[in-house]
Structures are given as structure tokens and as C-alpha cells.
Amino acid sequence: MDADIDTKIEFASLSEQVYNHIKRMILTAELKGGEKVPEEKIASIFGVSRTPIREALRKLEKQGLIQIIPRRYAQVTQIEPVDKIHVGQVRYQLDSLSVQLLALKATEEDYRALKSIADQCNQAAESADFATSFEKDSQLHCEFARRSGNPYLYDLVKNMDVKVQLLRNIEDISVDNIRRGIALHIPIIEAIYAHDPEKAEKLVKQHLADYYFPEEGHVE
């Protein structure tokens, strides 16, 4: 029985490593939308069979990052540049609601947890590890929704976050724009902790508008 447990733990660990590797390939645009996931190459890198790779691919498919073509191959989900405005319009409303609701009930624990993620995001950006900074940015926005106390809002934000990550796959975002956006994380969190929903909403709208609607500036 112990051997069976050890085998399951080892398999889970291998699958998680493969999952993280493929996800990072997508986030860094090493794998772009429509491209096949190189399963044989990944199997060689990790020295594993196809089983943990397929488990990792199923998890990525469930998240919407890849599409599995039965009995053929897996490919990165494709998103078009024109989708940016549509994603931005939805995210604008969802994130605004998230921070408003959270600002009404934020605790010291919320503040510490959110600031920790924001600090990690900033540190990654400063060291030019933009894949990690993007992951932490996504995690922070999802946490706004999760901690708002509205599970339906959280589900919507999680589903939308996949589209956000895929957009980054095709976007050529300047380092200055990345760091300028990240710089607004702490002010947003401070407004949430101060129980100021109006300020939190204004700041998160500015944060998103700079990326999704740069020609329009702040969008009401």
C-alpha cells in the first residue's frame, strides 16, 4: 500500500512539473496560439511517459489554455488581437465590482495576503521575470474576486483570466507599460484596506484602461 501511495505522489509531482512547464511556455509566448504542444520533446526533457503529460494537458484544457484534438495532438488556444477590446470591456466591469465589494469588508489578513502577491509581482518585474509577474498579476486580480465573498463573481473572473493570459501571449507589451501597471497594485490594495470602494474602483479602472484602452485614457 505504501508503494502505491509513493507511486501516486511521484506521478502527481511529475504531472505538476509538466503542467507548470507547459503553462510557462504559453505565458512566455514560447508556445503561441494555434501551435501544437511538443509532447515528445517535453517527455524527453522530463524523462517521463505520456501519462503525466496527458494529465497536465487535461488540466490545461480545463483551464482553457489549450485544446486537445482527440487521438491527434494538443494545441494552444488561439485568441485574436481584436478580442482585446472585448476582454477589456468585461474585465473592466468584473474587476471594478470585485474591488468595490472587497473594500466594504477587507480585513488585515486580506491586506497582508494581497500585498504579498503584489510585492512578488513587483519583484519579478524588476528582475525581468515577466512570466512570473504576469502569473502574480493574474493571481492578484483573482484574489480580489475570491476575497470579495461572491463565489459567482470569482468564477467569472477565473474564466476571464484565461483570456487575459492568452492575450499576453500575442501582445508585445513594453517593459515600461508592465511596470507602470504593476505600480498601481499597492495603491489599489491600500484603498481596499482603507474601506474606500470609490477610490479602489477608480484606481483599478485606471490600471485596466492603461492596457486595454490606452487611446481613451481613463474610461468611466
C-alpha atoms as a PDB file:
ATOM      1  CA  MET A   1       0.000   0.000   0.000  1.00  0.00           C
ATOM      2  CA  ASP A   2       2.833   2.405   0.868  1.00  0.00           C
ATOM      3  CA  ALA A   3       4.435   1.727  -2.513  1.00  0.00           C
ATOM      4  CA  ASP A   4       1.142   2.558  -4.227  1.00  0.00           C
ATOM      5  CA  ILE A   5       0.919   5.830  -2.313  1.00  0.00           C
ATOM      6  CA  ASP A   6       4.516   6.725  -3.207  1.00  0.00           C
ATOM      7  CA  THR A   7       3.805   5.994  -6.884  1.00  0.00           C
ATOM      8  CA  LYS A   8       0.729   8.226  -6.861  1.00  0.00           C
ATOM      9  CA  ILE A   9       2.664  11.049  -5.172  1.00  0.00           C
ATOM     10  CA  GLU A  10       5.507  10.738  -7.686  1.00  0.00           C
ATOM     11  CA  PHE A  11       3.035  10.754 -10.588  1.00  0.00           C
ATOM     12  CA  ALA A  12       1.243  13.817  -9.196  1.00  0.00           C
ATOM     13  CA  SER A  13       4.571  15.609  -8.770  1.00  0.00           C
ATOM     14  CA  LEU A  14       5.688  14.810 -12.329  1.00  0.00           C
ATOM     15  CA  SER A  15       2.346  15.871 -13.741  1.00  0.00           C
ATOM     16  CA  GLU A  16       2.517  19.168 -11.830  1.00  0.00           C
ATOM     17  CA  GLN A  17       6.049  19.840 -13.082  1.00  0.00           C
ATOM     18  CA  VAL A  18       4.986  19.190 -16.667  1.00  0.00           C
ATOM     19  CA  TYR A  19       1.890  21.374 -16.191  1.00  0.00           C
ATOM     20  CA  ASN A  20       3.993  24.270 -14.867  1.00  0.00           C
ATOM     21  CA  HIS A  21       6.491  23.870 -17.703  1.00  0.00           C
ATOM     22  CA  ILE A  22       3.862  23.943 -20.454  1.00  0.00           C
ATOM     23  CA  LYS A  23       1.973  26.812 -18.825  1.00  0.00           C
ATOM     24  CA  ARG A  24       5.179  28.852 -18.629  1.00  0.00           C
ATOM     25  CA  MET A  25       5.876  28.092 -22.297  1.00  0.00           C
ATOM     26  CA  ILE A  26       2.465  29.611 -23.075  1.00  0.00           C
ATOM     27  CA  LEU A  27       2.875  32.620 -20.768  1.00  0.00           C
ATOM     28  CA  THR A  28       6.281  33.466 -22.225  1.00  0.00           C
ATOM     29  CA  ALA A  29       4.942  33.009 -25.780  1.00  0.00           C
ATOM     30  CA  GLU A  30       7.405  30.198 -26.431  1.00  0.00           C
ATOM     31  CA  LEU A  31       4.216  28.414 -27.456  1.00  0.00           C
ATOM     32  CA  LYS A  32       1.829  30.678 -29.333  1.00  0.00           C
ATOM     33  CA  GLY A  33      -1.866  30.364 -30.092  1.00  0.00           C
ATOM     34  CA  GLY A  34      -2.590  27.565 -32.556  1.00  0.00           C
ATOM     35  CA  GLU A  35       0.785  25.864 -32.081  1.00  0.00           C
ATOM     36  CA  LYS A  36       0.986  22.195 -31.148  1.00  0.00           C
ATOM     37  CA  VAL A  37       2.283  21.256 -27.709  1.00  0.00           C
ATOM     38  CA  PRO A  38       5.543  19.318 -28.348  1.00  0.00           C
ATOM     39  CA  GLU A  39       4.679  16.277 -26.260  1.00  0.00           C
ATOM     40  CA  GLU A  40       7.649  14.169 -27.369  1.00  0.00           C
ATOM     41  CA  LYS A  41      10.125  16.947 -26.588  1.00  0.00           C
ATOM     42  CA  ILE A  42       8.589  17.520 -23.160  1.00  0.00           C
ATOM     43  CA  ALA A  43       8.629  13.778 -22.427  1.00  0.00           C
ATOM     44  CA  SER A  44      12.336  13.780 -23.259  1.00  0.00           C
ATOM     45  CA  ILE A  45      13.066  16.822 -21.071  1.00  0.00           C
ATOM     46  CA  PHE A  46      11.404  15.298 -18.018  1.00  0.00           C
ATOM     47  CA  GLY A  47      12.204  11.671 -18.802  1.00  0.00           C
ATOM     48  CA  VAL A  48       8.580  10.670 -18.382  1.00  0.00           C
ATOM     49  CA  SER A  49       5.958   8.642 -20.219  1.00  0.00           C
ATOM     50  CA  ARG A  50       2.993  10.258 -21.931  1.00  0.00           C
ATOM     51  CA  THR A  51       0.745   9.599 -18.904  1.00  0.00           C
ATOM     52  CA  PRO A  52       1.784  12.566 -16.696  1.00  0.00           C
ATOM     53  CA  ILE A  53       1.919  14.749 -19.828  1.00  0.00           C
ATOM     54  CA  ARG A  54      -1.657  13.876 -20.724  1.00  0.00           C
ATOM     55  CA  GLU A  55      -2.741  14.595 -17.144  1.00  0.00           C
ATOM     56  CA  ALA A  56      -1.080  18.012 -17.346  1.00  0.00           C
ATOM     57  CA  LEU A  57      -2.718  18.663 -20.726  1.00  0.00           C
ATOM     58  CA  ARG A  58      -6.156  17.796 -19.345  1.00  0.00           C
ATOM     59  CA  LYS A  59      -5.641  20.333 -16.556  1.00  0.00           C
ATOM     60  CA  LEU A  60      -4.552  22.996 -19.051  1.00  0.00           C
ATOM     61  CA  GLU A  61      -7.535  22.196 -21.270  1.00  0.00           C
ATOM     62  CA  LYS A  62      -9.896  22.524 -18.311  1.00  0.00           C
ATOM     63  CA  GLN A  63      -8.445  25.996 -17.718  1.00  0.00           C
ATOM     64  CA  GLY A  64      -8.939  26.888 -21.369  1.00  0.00           C
ATOM     65  CA  LEU A  65      -5.252  27.368 -22.201  1.00  0.00           C
ATOM     66  CA  ILE A  66      -5.079  24.500 -24.676  1.00  0.00           C
ATOM     67  CA  GLN A  67      -7.369  22.440 -26.872  1.00  0.00           C
ATOM     68  CA  ILE A  68      -6.971  18.679 -27.161  1.00  0.00           C
ATOM     69  CA  ILE A  69      -7.725  17.200 -30.570  1.00  0.00           C
ATOM     70  CA  PRO A  70      -8.750  13.590 -29.703  1.00  0.00           C
ATOM     71  CA  ARG A  71      -6.208  10.942 -30.762  1.00  0.00           C
ATOM     72  CA  ARG A  72      -4.117  13.589 -32.559  1.00  0.00           C
ATOM     73  CA  TYR A  73      -2.470  16.410 -30.609  1.00  0.00           C
ATOM     74  CA  ALA A  74      -2.930  19.324 -28.223  1.00  0.00           C
ATOM     75  CA  GLN A  75      -2.602  22.941 -29.303  1.00  0.00           C
ATOM     76  CA  VAL A  76      -2.537  26.299 -27.565  1.00  0.00           C
ATOM     77  CA  THR A  77      -5.910  28.026 -27.624  1.00  0.00           C
ATOM     78  CA  GLN A  78      -5.903  30.790 -30.204  1.00  0.00           C
ATOM     79  CA  ILE A  79      -7.118  34.282 -29.472  1.00  0.00           C
ATOM     80  CA  GLU A  80      -7.136  37.202 -31.897  1.00  0.00           C
ATOM     81  CA  PRO A  81      -5.916  40.776 -31.278  1.00  0.00           C
ATOM     82  CA  VAL A  82      -9.450  42.043 -31.935  1.00  0.00           C
ATOM     83  CA  ASP A  83     -10.577  40.134 -28.833  1.00  0.00           C
ATOM     84  CA  LYS A  84      -8.575  42.514 -26.624  1.00  0.00           C
ATOM     85  CA  ILE A  85     -11.305  45.156 -26.568  1.00  0.00           C
ATOM     86  CA  HIS A  86     -13.961  42.565 -25.734  1.00  0.00           C
ATOM     87  CA  VAL A  87     -11.904  41.041 -22.932  1.00  0.00           C
ATOM     88  CA  GLY A  88     -11.121  44.516 -21.629  1.00  0.00           C
ATOM     89  CA  GLN A  89     -14.769  45.581 -21.516  1.00  0.00           C
ATOM     90  CA  VAL A  90     -15.738  42.541 -19.454  1.00  0.00           C
ATOM     91  CA  ARG A  91     -12.713  42.604 -17.181  1.00  0.00           C
ATOM     92  CA  TYR A  92     -13.266  46.314 -16.562  1.00  0.00           C
ATOM     93  CA  GLN A  93     -16.672  45.618 -15.049  1.00  0.00           C
ATOM     94  CA  LEU A  94     -15.750  42.437 -13.172  1.00  0.00           C
ATOM     95  CA  ASP A  95     -12.653  43.871 -11.505  1.00  0.00           C
ATOM     96  CA  SER A  96     -14.464  47.086 -10.609  1.00  0.00           C
ATOM     97  CA  LEU A  97     -17.134  45.079  -8.805  1.00  0.00           C
ATOM     98  CA  SER A  98     -14.523  42.874  -7.128  1.00  0.00           C
ATOM     99  CA  VAL A  99     -12.621  45.732  -5.506  1.00  0.00           C
ATOM    100  CA  GLN A 100     -15.790  47.589  -4.521  1.00  0.00           C
ATOM    101  CA  LEU A 101     -17.199  44.558  -2.701  1.00  0.00           C
ATOM    102  CA  LEU A 102     -13.868  43.726  -1.098  1.00  0.00           C
ATOM    103  CA  ALA A 103     -13.366  47.306   0.096  1.00  0.00           C
ATOM    104  CA  LEU A 104     -16.569  47.009   2.117  1.00  0.00           C
ATOM    105  CA  LYS A 105     -15.252  44.062   4.135  1.00  0.00           C
ATOM    106  CA  ALA A 106     -11.459  43.900   3.828  1.00  0.00           C
ATOM    107  CA  THR A 107      -9.538  42.651   6.859  1.00  0.00           C
ATOM    108  CA  GLU A 108      -5.929  42.860   7.991  1.00  0.00           C
ATOM    109  CA  GLU A 109      -5.438  39.320   6.683  1.00  0.00           C
ATOM    110  CA  ASP A 110      -6.792  40.351   3.264  1.00  0.00           C
ATOM    111  CA  TYR A 111      -4.373  43.267   3.190  1.00  0.00           C
ATOM    112  CA  ARG A 112      -1.340  41.139   4.088  1.00  0.00           C
ATOM    113  CA  ALA A 113      -2.208  38.417   1.567  1.00  0.00           C
ATOM    114  CA  LEU A 114      -2.850  40.854  -1.290  1.00  0.00           C
ATOM    115  CA  LYS A 115       0.252  42.917  -0.551  1.00  0.00           C
ATOM    116  CA  SER A 116       2.386  39.768  -0.524  1.00  0.00           C
ATOM    117  CA  ILE A 117       1.203  38.852  -4.033  1.00  0.00           C
ATOM    118  CA  ALA A 118       1.701  42.443  -5.236  1.00  0.00           C
ATOM    119  CA  ASP A 119       5.237  42.510  -3.825  1.00  0.00           C
ATOM    120  CA  GLN A 120       6.079  39.222  -5.559  1.00  0.00           C
ATOM    121  CA  CYS A 121       4.683  40.603  -8.814  1.00  0.00           C
ATOM    122  CA  ASN A 122       6.803  43.735  -8.499  1.00  0.00           C
ATOM    123  CA  GLN A 123       9.958  41.808  -7.601  1.00  0.00           C
ATOM    124  CA  ALA A 124       9.512  39.531 -10.610  1.00  0.00           C
ATOM    125  CA  ALA A 125       9.055  42.506 -12.929  1.00  0.00           C
ATOM    126  CA  GLU A 126      12.115  44.256 -11.513  1.00  0.00           C
ATOM    127  CA  SER A 127      14.202  41.158 -12.229  1.00  0.00           C
ATOM    128  CA  ALA A 128      12.698  40.944 -15.753  1.00  0.00           C
ATOM    129  CA  ASP A 129      10.923  37.667 -14.941  1.00  0.00           C
ATOM    130  CA  PHE A 130       7.797  38.756 -16.750  1.00  0.00           C
ATOM    131  CA  ALA A 131       6.228  35.295 -16.923  1.00  0.00           C
ATOM    132  CA  THR A 132       6.136  35.228 -13.113  1.00  0.00           C
ATOM    133  CA  SER A 133       4.980  38.840 -12.893  1.00  0.00           C
ATOM    134  CA  PHE A 134       2.078  38.043 -15.251  1.00  0.00           C
ATOM    135  CA  GLU A 135       1.172  34.992 -13.165  1.00  0.00           C
ATOM    136  CA  LYS A 136       1.201  37.064  -9.974  1.00  0.00           C
ATOM    137  CA  ASP A 137      -0.820  39.832 -11.604  1.00  0.00           C
ATOM    138  CA  SER A 138      -3.465  37.287 -12.612  1.00  0.00           C
ATOM    139  CA  GLN A 139      -3.392  35.758  -9.131  1.00  0.00           C
ATOM    140  CA  LEU A 140      -3.914  39.183  -7.556  1.00  0.00           C
ATOM    141  CA  HIS A 141      -6.944  40.030  -9.686  1.00  0.00           C
ATOM    142  CA  CYS A 142      -8.449  36.607  -8.986  1.00  0.00           C
ATOM    143  CA  GLU A 143      -7.865  37.162  -5.262  1.00  0.00           C
ATOM    144  CA  PHE A 144      -9.751  40.464  -5.416  1.00  0.00           C
ATOM    145  CA  ALA A 145     -12.757  38.482  -6.631  1.00  0.00           C
ATOM    146  CA  ARG A 146     -12.283  35.488  -4.332  1.00  0.00           C
ATOM    147  CA  ARG A 147     -11.992  37.657  -1.243  1.00  0.00           C
ATOM    148  CA  SER A 148     -14.998  39.769  -2.277  1.00  0.00           C
ATOM    149  CA  GLY A 149     -17.180  36.982  -0.883  1.00  0.00           C
ATOM    150  CA  ASN A 150     -19.155  36.492  -4.115  1.00  0.00           C
ATOM    151  CA  PRO A 151     -18.412  32.984  -5.493  1.00  0.00           C
ATOM    152  CA  TYR A 152     -20.201  33.642  -8.792  1.00  0.00           C
ATOM    153  CA  LEU A 153     -18.077  36.717  -9.404  1.00  0.00           C
ATOM    154  CA  TYR A 154     -14.970  34.665  -8.616  1.00  0.00           C
ATOM    155  CA  ASP A 155     -15.947  32.001 -11.158  1.00  0.00           C
ATOM    156  CA  LEU A 156     -16.452  34.639 -13.844  1.00  0.00           C
ATOM    157  CA  VAL A 157     -13.101  36.287 -13.100  1.00  0.00           C
ATOM    158  CA  LYS A 158     -11.254  32.952 -13.175  1.00  0.00           C
ATOM    159  CA  ASN A 159     -12.755  32.100 -16.553  1.00  0.00           C
ATOM    160  CA  MET A 160     -11.920  35.534 -17.929  1.00  0.00           C
ATOM    161  CA  ASP A 161      -8.363  35.303 -16.613  1.00  0.00           C
ATOM    162  CA  VAL A 162      -7.597  32.575 -19.151  1.00  0.00           C
ATOM    163  CA  LYS A 163      -8.368  35.019 -21.949  1.00  0.00           C
ATOM    164  CA  VAL A 164      -6.172  37.623 -20.260  1.00  0.00           C
ATOM    165  CA  GLN A 165      -3.235  35.210 -20.187  1.00  0.00           C
ATOM    166  CA  LEU A 166      -3.739  34.221 -23.810  1.00  0.00           C
ATOM    167  CA  LEU A 167      -3.821  37.876 -24.855  1.00  0.00           C
ATOM    168  CA  ARG A 168      -0.417  38.367 -23.257  1.00  0.00           C
ATOM    169  CA  ASN A 169       0.764  35.542 -25.497  1.00  0.00           C
ATOM    170  CA  ILE A 170       0.182  37.667 -28.604  1.00  0.00           C
ATOM    171  CA  GLU A 171       0.810  41.147 -27.185  1.00  0.00           C
ATOM    172  CA  ASP A 172       4.114  42.987 -27.404  1.00  0.00           C
ATOM    173  CA  ILE A 173       3.905  44.852 -24.103  1.00  0.00           C
ATOM    174  CA  SER A 174       6.717  47.272 -23.304  1.00  0.00           C
ATOM    175  CA  VAL A 175       8.643  46.922 -20.058  1.00  0.00           C
ATOM    176  CA  ASP A 176       7.636  50.470 -19.074  1.00  0.00           C
ATOM    177  CA  ASN A 177       3.942  49.651 -19.530  1.00  0.00           C
ATOM    178  CA  ILE A 178       4.267  46.489 -17.476  1.00  0.00           C
ATOM    179  CA  ARG A 179       5.969  48.262 -14.592  1.00  0.00           C
ATOM    180  CA  ARG A 180       3.595  51.242 -14.762  1.00  0.00           C
ATOM    181  CA  GLY A 181       0.620  48.910 -14.436  1.00  0.00           C
ATOM    182  CA  ILE A 182       2.174  46.957 -11.588  1.00  0.00           C
ATOM    183  CA  ALA A 183       2.909  50.202  -9.728  1.00  0.00           C
ATOM    184  CA  LEU A 184      -0.850  50.690  -9.248  1.00  0.00           C
ATOM    185  CA  HIS A 185      -1.306  47.410  -7.373  1.00  0.00           C
ATOM    186  CA  ILE A 186      -0.302  48.752  -3.959  1.00  0.00           C
ATOM    187  CA  PRO A 187      -2.457  51.934  -4.198  1.00  0.00           C
ATOM    188  CA  ILE A 188      -5.439  49.732  -5.133  1.00  0.00           C
ATOM    189  CA  ILE A 189      -4.790  47.473  -2.144  1.00  0.00           C
ATOM    190  CA  GLU A 190      -4.345  50.478   0.162  1.00  0.00           C
ATOM    191  CA  ALA A 191      -7.719  51.857  -0.971  1.00  0.00           C
ATOM    192  CA  ILE A 192      -9.351  48.479  -0.379  1.00  0.00           C
ATOM    193  CA  TYR A 193      -7.868  48.255   3.124  1.00  0.00           C
ATOM    194  CA  ALA A 194      -8.990  51.840   3.843  1.00  0.00           C
ATOM    195  CA  HIS A 195     -12.560  50.697   3.025  1.00  0.00           C
ATOM    196  CA  ASP A 196     -12.785  53.230   0.214  1.00  0.00           C
ATOM    197  CA  PRO A 197     -14.680  51.450  -2.594  1.00  0.00           C
ATOM    198  CA  GLU A 198     -14.871  54.542  -4.801  1.00  0.00           C
ATOM    199  CA  LYS A 199     -11.111  55.098  -4.766  1.00  0.00           C
ATOM    200  CA  ALA A 200     -10.406  51.384  -5.225  1.00  0.00           C
ATOM    201  CA  GLU A 201     -12.733  51.308  -8.233  1.00  0.00           C
ATOM    202  CA  LYS A 202     -11.183  54.436  -9.760  1.00  0.00           C
ATOM    203  CA  LEU A 203      -7.658  53.029  -9.405  1.00  0.00           C
ATOM    204  CA  VAL A 204      -8.458  49.591 -10.794  1.00  0.00           C
ATOM    205  CA  LYS A 205     -10.209  51.219 -13.764  1.00  0.00           C
ATOM    206  CA  GLN A 206      -7.115  53.324 -14.391  1.00  0.00           C
ATOM    207  CA  HIS A 207      -4.955  50.209 -14.073  1.00  0.00           C
ATOM    208  CA  LEU A 208      -7.002  48.342 -16.696  1.00  0.00           C
ATOM    209  CA  ALA A 209      -7.660  51.289 -19.005  1.00  0.00           C
ATOM    210  CA  ASP A 210      -3.926  51.904 -19.420  1.00  0.00           C
ATOM    211  CA  TYR A 211      -3.645  48.464 -21.000  1.00  0.00           C
ATOM    212  CA  TYR A 212      -6.980  47.820 -22.697  1.00  0.00           C
ATOM    213  CA  PHE A 213      -7.969  51.335 -23.745  1.00  0.00           C
ATOM    214  CA  PRO A 214      -4.735  53.376 -23.984  1.00  0.00           C
ATOM    215  CA  GLU A 215      -6.148  55.673 -26.677  1.00  0.00           C
ATOM    216  CA  GLU A 216      -9.087  56.650 -24.496  1.00  0.00           C
ATOM    217  CA  GLY A 217      -7.272  57.077 -21.204  1.00  0.00           C
ATOM    218  CA  HIS A 218      -9.483  56.697 -18.151  1.00  0.00           C
ATOM    219  CA  VAL A 219     -12.794  55.141 -19.139  1.00  0.00           C
ATOM    220  CA  GLU A 220     -15.844  55.715 -16.963  1.00  0.00           C
END
